[in-house]
Amino acid sequence: MNARALVRGITMSPRKMRVVANLVRKKSVEEAIGMLDLMPKKAAKIIAKAVRSAAANAESNSGGDVSVEQLHIEAISVDGGTTNKRWMPRSMGRANRINHKTSHLTVVVGSK
């Protein structure tokens, strides 16, 4: 039984999110949440919330047949979202473009 959680439009670049996502790929849900709670990165808090949501979805969809202890992360992916484009004024009437990248996070958990 698989369940997933999607988080879209995270205001962080996918490159920064993938560093944390690669550390918890293919781990059990309990182990992954334990690791993420101790990490000092901003992405760790966002990914931990998504993992908890996916685990809750799995429990809810199974009707109580599956517990958190039996779940593991089958797939976790970070994809690029829309880029917010802003302008920063520079000297002599010029302007530079600032790109604020966003991410889409997908977490799939399944029972062993």
C-alpha atoms as a PDB file:
ATOM      1  CA  MET A   1       0.000   0.000   0.000  1.00  0.00           C
ATOM      2  CA  ASN A   2       1.510   3.278  -1.119  1.00  0.00           C
ATOM      3  CA  ALA A   3       0.602   6.762  -0.002  1.00  0.00           C
ATOM      4  CA  ARG A   4       2.078  10.062  -1.035  1.00  0.00           C
ATOM      5  CA  ALA A   5       2.321  13.668   0.028  1.00  0.00           C
ATOM      6  CA  LEU A   6       2.933  16.631  -2.272  1.00  0.00           C
ATOM      7  CA  VAL A   7       4.302  20.002  -1.225  1.00  0.00           C
ATOM      8  CA  ARG A   8       4.332  22.557  -4.007  1.00  0.00           C
ATOM      9  CA  GLY A   9       5.817  26.019  -4.284  1.00  0.00           C
ATOM     10  CA  ILE A  10       8.467  25.738  -1.565  1.00  0.00           C
ATOM     11  CA  THR A  11      10.568  28.910  -1.565  1.00  0.00           C
ATOM     12  CA  MET A  12      13.900  27.118  -1.704  1.00  0.00           C
ATOM     13  CA  SER A  13      15.997  26.013  -4.634  1.00  0.00           C
ATOM     14  CA  PRO A  14      15.760  22.338  -5.615  1.00  0.00           C
ATOM     15  CA  ARG A  15      19.530  21.962  -5.333  1.00  0.00           C
ATOM     16  CA  LYS A  16      19.448  22.787  -1.611  1.00  0.00           C
ATOM     17  CA  MET A  17      16.460  20.509  -0.995  1.00  0.00           C
ATOM     18  CA  ARG A  18      18.009  17.524  -2.792  1.00  0.00           C
ATOM     19  CA  VAL A  19      20.969  17.473  -0.379  1.00  0.00           C
ATOM     20  CA  VAL A  20      18.622  16.614   2.489  1.00  0.00           C
ATOM     21  CA  ALA A  21      16.259  14.422   0.434  1.00  0.00           C
ATOM     22  CA  ASN A  22      19.130  12.173  -0.673  1.00  0.00           C
ATOM     23  CA  LEU A  23      20.031  11.442   2.957  1.00  0.00           C
ATOM     24  CA  VAL A  24      16.631   9.961   3.849  1.00  0.00           C
ATOM     25  CA  ARG A  25      15.855   8.103   0.621  1.00  0.00           C
ATOM     26  CA  LYS A  26      15.032   4.361   1.185  1.00  0.00           C
ATOM     27  CA  LYS A  27      14.975   4.702   4.999  1.00  0.00           C
ATOM     28  CA  SER A  28      12.182   3.750   7.365  1.00  0.00           C
ATOM     29  CA  VAL A  29       9.806   6.555   8.305  1.00  0.00           C
ATOM     30  CA  GLU A  30      10.828   6.547  11.985  1.00  0.00           C
ATOM     31  CA  GLU A  31      14.543   6.647  11.131  1.00  0.00           C
ATOM     32  CA  ALA A  32      14.027   9.406   8.556  1.00  0.00           C
ATOM     33  CA  ILE A  33      12.031  11.607  10.943  1.00  0.00           C
ATOM     34  CA  GLY A  34      14.670  11.077  13.640  1.00  0.00           C
ATOM     35  CA  MET A  35      17.412  12.166  11.252  1.00  0.00           C
ATOM     36  CA  LEU A  36      15.469  15.146   9.919  1.00  0.00           C
ATOM     37  CA  ASP A  37      14.584  16.477  13.370  1.00  0.00           C
ATOM     38  CA  LEU A  38      18.280  16.740  14.239  1.00  0.00           C
ATOM     39  CA  MET A  39      19.447  18.401  11.010  1.00  0.00           C
ATOM     40  CA  PRO A  40      20.134  22.150  11.148  1.00  0.00           C
ATOM     41  CA  LYS A  41      18.956  22.798   7.574  1.00  0.00           C
ATOM     42  CA  LYS A  42      15.748  24.600   6.637  1.00  0.00           C
ATOM     43  CA  ALA A  43      14.866  21.888   4.121  1.00  0.00           C
ATOM     44  CA  ALA A  44      14.914  19.228   6.854  1.00  0.00           C
ATOM     45  CA  LYS A  45      11.895  20.735   8.605  1.00  0.00           C
ATOM     46  CA  ILE A  46       9.898  20.903   5.358  1.00  0.00           C
ATOM     47  CA  ILE A  47      10.779  17.343   4.327  1.00  0.00           C
ATOM     48  CA  ALA A  48      10.012  15.991   7.814  1.00  0.00           C
ATOM     49  CA  LYS A  49       6.561  17.555   7.668  1.00  0.00           C
ATOM     50  CA  ALA A  50       5.929  15.967   4.262  1.00  0.00           C
ATOM     51  CA  VAL A  51       7.109  12.532   5.486  1.00  0.00           C
ATOM     52  CA  ARG A  52       4.781  12.756   8.491  1.00  0.00           C
ATOM     53  CA  SER A  53       1.920  13.725   6.174  1.00  0.00           C
ATOM     54  CA  ALA A  54       2.593  10.803   3.832  1.00  0.00           C
ATOM     55  CA  ALA A  55       2.709   8.404   6.806  1.00  0.00           C
ATOM     56  CA  ALA A  56      -0.600   9.780   8.098  1.00  0.00           C
ATOM     57  CA  ASN A  57      -2.098   9.373   4.615  1.00  0.00           C
ATOM     58  CA  ALA A  58      -0.976   5.739   4.538  1.00  0.00           C
ATOM     59  CA  GLU A  59      -2.548   5.026   7.924  1.00  0.00           C
ATOM     60  CA  SER A  60      -5.762   6.774   6.960  1.00  0.00           C
ATOM     61  CA  ASN A  61      -6.085   5.099   3.560  1.00  0.00           C
ATOM     62  CA  SER A  62      -5.450   1.612   4.943  1.00  0.00           C
ATOM     63  CA  GLY A  63      -8.155   1.927   7.577  1.00  0.00           C
ATOM     64  CA  GLY A  64      -5.741   1.368  10.459  1.00  0.00           C
ATOM     65  CA  ASP A  65      -4.101  -1.782   9.056  1.00  0.00           C
ATOM     66  CA  VAL A  66      -0.704  -0.104   8.625  1.00  0.00           C
ATOM     67  CA  SER A  67       1.326   1.508  11.401  1.00  0.00           C
ATOM     68  CA  VAL A  68       4.229   3.952  11.181  1.00  0.00           C
ATOM     69  CA  GLU A  69       6.698   1.259  12.259  1.00  0.00           C
ATOM     70  CA  GLN A  70       5.965  -0.742   9.091  1.00  0.00           C
ATOM     71  CA  LEU A  71       6.382   2.150   6.651  1.00  0.00           C
ATOM     72  CA  HIS A  72       9.476   3.144   4.705  1.00  0.00           C
ATOM     73  CA  ILE A  73      10.180   5.854   2.153  1.00  0.00           C
ATOM     74  CA  GLU A  74       9.884   4.307  -1.298  1.00  0.00           C
ATOM     75  CA  ALA A  75      10.536   7.462  -3.306  1.00  0.00           C
ATOM     76  CA  ILE A  76      11.327  11.067  -2.580  1.00  0.00           C
ATOM     77  CA  SER A  77      11.822  13.578  -5.358  1.00  0.00           C
ATOM     78  CA  VAL A  78      12.482  17.287  -5.536  1.00  0.00           C
ATOM     79  CA  ASP A  79      11.546  18.992  -8.772  1.00  0.00           C
ATOM     80  CA  GLY A  80      11.910  22.577  -9.852  1.00  0.00           C
ATOM     81  CA  GLY A  81       8.921  24.859  -9.573  1.00  0.00           C
ATOM     82  CA  THR A  82       8.236  28.266 -11.006  1.00  0.00           C
ATOM     83  CA  THR A  83      10.939  30.902 -10.834  1.00  0.00           C
ATOM     84  CA  ASN A  84       9.952  34.265  -9.380  1.00  0.00           C
ATOM     85  CA  LYS A  85      11.773  36.979 -11.287  1.00  0.00           C
ATOM     86  CA  ARG A  86      12.637  40.230  -9.512  1.00  0.00           C
ATOM     87  CA  TRP A  87      14.699  43.260 -10.478  1.00  0.00           C
ATOM     88  CA  MET A  88      17.411  44.915  -8.400  1.00  0.00           C
ATOM     89  CA  PRO A  89      18.421  48.473  -9.269  1.00  0.00           C
ATOM     90  CA  ARG A  90      22.065  49.064 -10.110  1.00  0.00           C
ATOM     91  CA  SER A  91      24.183  52.088 -10.798  1.00  0.00           C
ATOM     92  CA  MET A  92      23.807  54.315 -13.855  1.00  0.00           C
ATOM     93  CA  GLY A  93      20.160  53.385 -14.445  1.00  0.00           C
ATOM     94  CA  ARG A  94      20.773  49.691 -14.984  1.00  0.00           C
ATOM     95  CA  ALA A  95      19.018  46.727 -13.334  1.00  0.00           C
ATOM     96  CA  ASN A  96      19.958  43.108 -12.667  1.00  0.00           C
ATOM     97  CA  ARG A  97      17.481  40.251 -12.584  1.00  0.00           C
ATOM     98  CA  ILE A  98      17.204  38.182  -9.396  1.00  0.00           C
ATOM     99  CA  ASN A  99      15.742  34.674  -9.797  1.00  0.00           C
ATOM    100  CA  HIS A 100      13.984  33.194  -6.744  1.00  0.00           C
ATOM    101  CA  LYS A 101      13.720  29.472  -7.434  1.00  0.00           C
ATOM    102  CA  THR A 102      10.979  27.290  -5.971  1.00  0.00           C
ATOM    103  CA  SER A 103      10.612  23.525  -5.511  1.00  0.00           C
ATOM    104  CA  HIS A 104       7.988  20.803  -5.615  1.00  0.00           C
ATOM    105  CA  LEU A 105       8.477  17.920  -3.148  1.00  0.00           C
ATOM    106  CA  THR A 106       6.924  14.453  -3.566  1.00  0.00           C
ATOM    107  CA  VAL A 107       7.211  11.788  -0.857  1.00  0.00           C
ATOM    108  CA  VAL A 108       5.916   8.233  -1.416  1.00  0.00           C
ATOM    109  CA  VAL A 109       5.803   5.819   1.522  1.00  0.00           C
ATOM    110  CA  GLY A 110       4.896   2.153   1.470  1.00  0.00           C
ATOM    111  CA  SER A 111       4.689  -0.815   3.797  1.00  0.00           C
ATOM    112  CA  LYS A 112       7.508  -3.316   3.880  1.00  0.00           C
END
